[in-house]
Protein backbone atom coordinates (compact mmCIF):
# COMPACT_ATOMS: atom_id res chain seq x y z
CA MET A 1 21.02 27.18 -63.73
CA GLN A 2 18.45 29.97 -63.89
CA LYS A 3 17.05 28.92 -60.51
CA THR A 4 20.56 29.24 -59.02
CA VAL A 5 21.14 32.64 -60.62
CA ASP A 6 17.77 33.94 -59.45
CA PHE A 7 18.48 32.76 -55.88
CA ILE A 8 21.90 34.44 -55.77
CA ASN A 9 20.59 37.68 -57.27
CA LYS A 10 17.88 37.75 -54.62
CA GLN A 11 20.54 37.47 -51.89
CA ILE A 12 22.97 40.06 -53.31
CA LYS A 13 20.26 42.49 -54.55
CA ASP A 14 21.97 45.36 -56.45
CA PHE A 15 25.50 43.95 -56.12
CA LYS A 16 26.73 43.21 -59.67
CA PRO A 17 29.97 41.19 -59.57
CA GLU A 18 32.49 41.78 -62.35
CA ILE A 19 35.40 39.60 -61.14
CA GLY A 20 35.17 36.01 -59.89
CA ILE A 21 37.86 34.35 -57.78
CA VAL A 22 38.14 30.66 -56.94
CA LEU A 23 40.18 30.31 -53.76
CA GLY A 24 42.13 27.05 -53.44
CA SER A 25 43.27 25.03 -50.41
CA GLY A 26 44.51 27.25 -47.59
CA LEU A 27 43.94 30.44 -49.59
CA GLY A 28 40.50 31.40 -48.28
CA ASP A 29 41.72 34.20 -46.00
CA LEU A 30 41.16 36.80 -48.71
CA ALA A 31 37.43 36.19 -48.44
CA ASP A 32 37.58 36.43 -44.64
CA GLU A 33 39.18 39.87 -44.83
CA PHE A 34 36.82 41.28 -47.45
CA CYS A 35 33.30 40.13 -46.74
CA GLU A 36 30.04 41.98 -47.33
CA ILE A 37 27.66 39.16 -48.24
CA THR A 38 28.12 35.42 -47.62
CA ILE A 39 26.01 32.57 -48.95
CA PRO A 40 26.80 29.01 -47.79
CA TYR A 41 26.85 26.48 -50.61
CA SER A 42 24.37 24.37 -48.65
CA LYS A 43 21.70 27.05 -49.18
CA ILE A 44 22.25 27.55 -52.92
CA PRO A 45 20.04 25.53 -55.27
CA GLY A 46 22.19 23.34 -57.52
CA PHE A 47 25.34 23.65 -55.39
CA PRO A 48 26.80 20.63 -53.60
CA THR A 49 28.93 21.16 -50.48
CA SER A 50 32.73 21.21 -50.41
CA THR A 51 34.15 18.41 -48.27
CA VAL A 52 37.86 19.29 -48.31
CA GLN A 53 39.80 20.62 -45.30
CA GLY A 54 40.79 24.24 -45.94
CA HIS A 55 37.63 24.93 -47.98
CA LYS A 56 34.88 26.77 -46.05
CA GLY A 57 32.23 26.20 -48.69
CA GLN A 58 30.57 29.56 -49.28
CA LEU A 59 30.25 32.39 -51.77
CA VAL A 60 31.56 35.73 -50.55
CA PHE A 61 30.75 39.05 -52.23
CA ALA A 62 32.73 42.21 -51.55
CA THR A 63 33.93 45.45 -53.08
CA ILE A 64 37.72 45.24 -53.31
CA ASN A 65 39.83 48.14 -54.61
CA GLY A 66 36.77 49.59 -56.31
CA LYS A 67 35.77 46.34 -58.05
CA LYS A 68 32.74 44.16 -57.34
CA VAL A 69 34.12 40.70 -56.59
CA MET A 70 32.55 37.28 -56.06
CA MET A 71 34.78 34.74 -54.29
CA MET A 72 34.37 31.00 -54.02
CA GLN A 73 35.72 30.04 -50.61
CA GLY A 74 36.28 26.44 -51.59
CA ARG A 75 35.71 24.62 -54.88
CA PHE A 76 34.22 21.30 -55.99
CA HIS A 77 36.65 18.57 -57.01
CA TYR A 78 36.31 15.66 -59.39
CA TYR A 79 37.89 13.39 -56.75
CA GLU A 80 35.01 14.12 -54.36
CA GLY A 81 32.81 12.14 -56.73
CA HIS A 82 31.25 15.13 -58.50
CA PRO A 83 30.78 14.83 -62.26
CA MET A 84 32.48 17.48 -64.37
CA ASP A 85 29.29 19.45 -64.95
CA VAL A 86 28.97 19.90 -61.17
CA VAL A 87 32.66 20.74 -60.73
CA THR A 88 32.32 23.57 -63.26
CA PHE A 89 28.75 24.65 -62.49
CA PRO A 90 29.86 27.71 -60.45
CA ILE A 91 31.87 29.03 -63.42
CA LYS A 92 28.76 28.94 -65.58
CA ILE A 93 26.88 30.75 -62.81
CA MET A 94 29.60 33.43 -62.77
CA LYS A 95 29.06 33.91 -66.50
CA LYS A 96 25.29 34.21 -66.03
CA LEU A 97 25.82 36.76 -63.24
CA GLY A 98 27.75 38.96 -65.68
CA ILE A 99 31.30 38.25 -64.49
CA LYS A 100 33.86 38.88 -67.22
CA THR A 101 37.15 38.00 -65.47
CA VAL A 102 37.96 34.87 -63.46
CA ILE A 103 41.01 34.38 -61.21
CA LEU A 104 41.63 30.68 -60.52
CA THR A 105 43.96 29.77 -57.66
CA ASN A 106 45.18 26.46 -56.35
CA ALA A 107 47.71 24.66 -54.21
CA ALA A 108 50.00 22.60 -56.45
CA GLY A 109 52.96 20.28 -56.31
CA GLY A 110 56.19 21.58 -57.80
CA VAL A 111 57.55 19.44 -60.63
CA ASN A 112 60.03 22.01 -61.93
CA VAL A 113 63.19 21.38 -59.88
CA TYR A 114 63.80 25.12 -59.59
CA PHE A 115 60.51 25.66 -57.71
CA LYS A 116 60.38 25.58 -53.94
CA PRO A 117 57.48 25.38 -51.47
CA SER A 118 55.61 28.69 -50.98
CA ASP A 119 56.59 29.95 -54.46
CA LEU A 120 53.80 31.48 -56.54
CA MET A 121 53.45 30.34 -60.15
CA LEU A 122 51.67 32.12 -62.96
CA ILE A 123 49.86 29.49 -65.04
CA THR A 124 50.75 30.09 -68.69
CA ASP A 125 49.02 26.96 -70.04
CA HIS A 126 47.68 23.63 -68.87
CA ILE A 127 47.52 19.94 -69.71
CA ASN A 128 44.25 18.15 -69.02
CA PHE A 129 45.27 14.68 -67.84
CA MET A 130 42.05 13.94 -65.95
CA GLY A 131 40.61 11.60 -68.57
CA ASP A 132 37.45 13.70 -68.80
CA ASN A 133 36.30 17.03 -70.19
CA PRO A 134 33.64 19.33 -68.69
CA LEU A 135 32.21 20.12 -72.14
CA ILE A 136 31.25 16.52 -72.95
CA GLY A 137 27.50 16.26 -73.42
CA PRO A 138 24.87 18.48 -75.06
CA ASN A 139 26.18 21.96 -75.80
CA ASP A 140 24.56 25.06 -74.26
CA ASP A 141 24.69 27.61 -77.06
CA THR A 142 23.90 30.41 -74.60
CA LEU A 143 27.32 29.84 -73.00
CA GLY A 144 29.65 28.92 -75.83
CA THR A 145 30.30 27.13 -79.10
CA ARG A 146 30.42 23.34 -79.54
CA PHE A 147 34.13 23.25 -80.43
CA PRO A 148 35.83 26.07 -78.51
CA ASP A 149 39.36 27.23 -79.28
CA MET A 150 41.81 26.56 -76.42
CA SER A 151 44.90 28.25 -77.87
CA GLU A 152 44.75 31.00 -75.22
CA VAL A 153 42.90 29.70 -72.17
CA TYR A 154 44.89 31.98 -69.84
CA THR A 155 44.54 35.53 -71.10
CA LYS A 156 47.87 36.96 -72.20
CA ASP A 157 47.02 40.52 -71.08
CA LEU A 158 46.18 39.26 -67.58
CA GLN A 159 49.46 37.31 -67.45
CA GLU A 160 51.38 40.47 -68.29
CA LEU A 161 49.37 42.41 -65.72
CA ALA A 162 50.15 39.83 -63.03
CA LYS A 163 53.86 39.94 -63.83
CA THR A 164 53.85 43.74 -63.67
CA CYS A 165 52.01 43.70 -60.33
CA ALA A 166 54.38 41.07 -58.90
CA LYS A 167 57.41 43.12 -59.94
CA LYS A 168 55.91 46.24 -58.37
CA LEU A 169 55.37 44.37 -55.09
CA GLY A 170 58.78 42.68 -55.13
CA ILE A 171 57.20 39.21 -55.37
CA ALA A 172 59.12 36.55 -57.26
CA LEU A 173 56.56 35.03 -59.63
CA GLN A 174 57.42 31.76 -61.29
CA GLU A 175 55.79 30.83 -64.61
CA GLY A 176 54.81 27.45 -65.94
CA VAL A 177 52.42 24.83 -67.21
CA TYR A 178 49.95 23.23 -64.80
CA MET A 179 48.87 19.61 -65.28
CA ALA A 180 45.66 18.33 -63.71
CA LEU A 181 45.29 14.72 -62.58
CA THR A 182 42.21 13.40 -60.85
CA GLY A 183 43.59 12.66 -57.37
CA PRO A 184 42.84 12.15 -54.54
CA THR A 185 46.15 10.27 -54.37
CA TYR A 186 49.33 12.27 -54.69
CA GLU A 187 51.42 11.22 -57.67
CA THR A 188 53.98 8.41 -57.55
CA PRO A 189 57.61 9.23 -58.39
CA ALA A 190 57.12 7.57 -61.79
CA GLU A 191 54.03 9.68 -62.47
CA VAL A 192 55.88 12.85 -61.53
CA LYS A 193 58.65 11.89 -63.96
CA MET A 194 55.96 11.45 -66.63
CA VAL A 195 54.44 14.85 -65.78
CA ARG A 196 57.83 16.52 -66.13
CA LEU A 197 58.61 14.73 -69.42
CA LEU A 198 55.24 15.86 -70.81
CA GLY A 199 56.15 19.49 -70.16
CA ALA A 200 54.45 20.47 -66.91
CA ASP A 201 55.99 22.56 -64.14
CA ALA A 202 53.34 21.94 -61.48
CA VAL A 203 50.73 19.30 -60.86
CA GLY A 204 47.40 19.38 -59.05
CA MET A 205 43.83 18.09 -58.86
CA SER A 206 41.72 21.08 -59.90
CA THR A 207 41.56 24.32 -61.93
CA VAL A 208 41.77 22.87 -65.45
CA PRO A 209 38.06 21.99 -65.77
CA GLU A 210 37.16 25.47 -64.48
CA ALA A 211 39.61 27.13 -66.88
CA ILE A 212 38.22 25.17 -69.84
CA VAL A 213 34.66 26.25 -69.05
CA ALA A 214 35.63 29.88 -68.35
CA SER A 215 37.45 30.07 -71.70
CA TYR A 216 34.50 28.38 -73.41
CA CYS A 217 32.27 31.08 -71.90
CA LYS A 218 34.58 33.78 -73.35
CA MET A 219 35.71 34.97 -69.93
CA ASP A 220 39.20 36.32 -69.29
CA VAL A 221 41.16 33.86 -67.15
CA LEU A 222 44.12 34.33 -64.81
CA GLY A 223 45.61 31.25 -63.13
CA LEU A 224 47.84 31.34 -60.04
CA SER A 225 49.33 28.34 -58.23
CA CYS A 226 50.83 28.27 -54.77
CA ILE A 227 53.61 25.69 -54.94
CA CYS A 228 52.96 23.90 -51.67
CA ASN A 229 55.30 20.94 -51.90
CA SER A 230 57.87 19.34 -54.13
CA ALA A 231 56.22 16.37 -55.80
CA ALA A 232 57.16 12.73 -55.15
CA GLY A 233 60.57 11.78 -56.48
CA ILE A 234 61.74 15.38 -56.04
CA SER A 235 60.95 15.76 -52.35
CA THR A 236 62.86 13.51 -49.95
CA VAL A 237 59.89 13.26 -47.58
CA GLY A 238 56.35 11.95 -47.93
CA LEU A 239 53.47 14.19 -48.96
CA SER A 240 50.45 15.24 -46.89
CA HIS A 241 47.53 17.66 -47.08
CA GLU A 242 48.77 19.26 -43.83
CA GLU A 243 52.03 20.12 -45.59
CA VAL A 244 50.04 21.70 -48.42
CA LEU A 245 48.04 23.86 -45.99
CA GLN A 246 51.20 24.91 -44.12
CA ALA A 247 52.91 26.06 -47.31
CA ALA A 248 49.76 27.86 -48.46
CA ASN A 249 49.66 29.59 -45.08
CA ALA A 250 53.30 30.68 -45.48
CA ALA A 251 52.57 32.09 -48.95
CA LYS A 252 49.16 33.64 -48.29
CA SER A 253 50.44 37.13 -47.50
CA LYS A 254 52.21 37.57 -50.85
CA PHE A 255 49.39 35.73 -52.63
CA LYS A 256 46.80 38.08 -51.12
CA ASN A 257 48.88 41.18 -51.94
CA LEU A 258 49.34 40.04 -55.53
CA VAL A 259 45.64 39.32 -56.07
CA LEU A 260 44.64 42.65 -54.50
CA GLU A 261 47.04 44.51 -56.79
CA VAL A 262 45.78 42.63 -59.84
CA ILE A 263 42.16 43.44 -58.93
CA LYS A 264 43.06 47.11 -58.57
CA GLU A 265 44.69 47.20 -62.00
CA ILE A 266 42.10 45.21 -63.97
């Protein structure tokens, strides 16, 4: 971890990031627009490469609305074969770089019948249904405690800030619980019914491990989902990654405006 931190600090010199953003599928345009320093994952010690379409696979550093921001243009997924410690390694690096606030974004399937594709959803809580936990194994006391409290993973003050910013911008912001499954298969209609019965509003294949580790590291966490399709059993058509990217593309303008406003107000 220290080798990774030292390498990044050498590349960014006096740039001291205070906000970290993980950009999900189809949402990487924010990093393209604001870009001062880029570091491909392939050059960073300890970083694997992202293999998913819609994920460029690089760190981008930029000053946005007066704040020093580090953006992950693409994340690492459990379904790519990475163990949980690799999936969440960048979050630990953010902590070591001095970042105090993390914004986690994703493309998700809508389980709540009132959600429609291209809606934005504020994540109020999550359900870890991945059958694994990123904190299993020896504990690193420099990052967090052995048995961390998860009663407020998603910081209430940031949720209120996001709602205020959305209202100011005239963006309809849904709210709900996000459930993470491993993927890479989309859920069956029966699984979607289960997800809904268990209390989730959206379902996806990421974010939860990162949120767990960020909370464990005592970082403030904001979660935002782009509802990119209605999940199986709700939608009358089959699901595809192309559909997800199309919906993310349709929503990216309001997503970008909301994130920029949130950054300004943090």
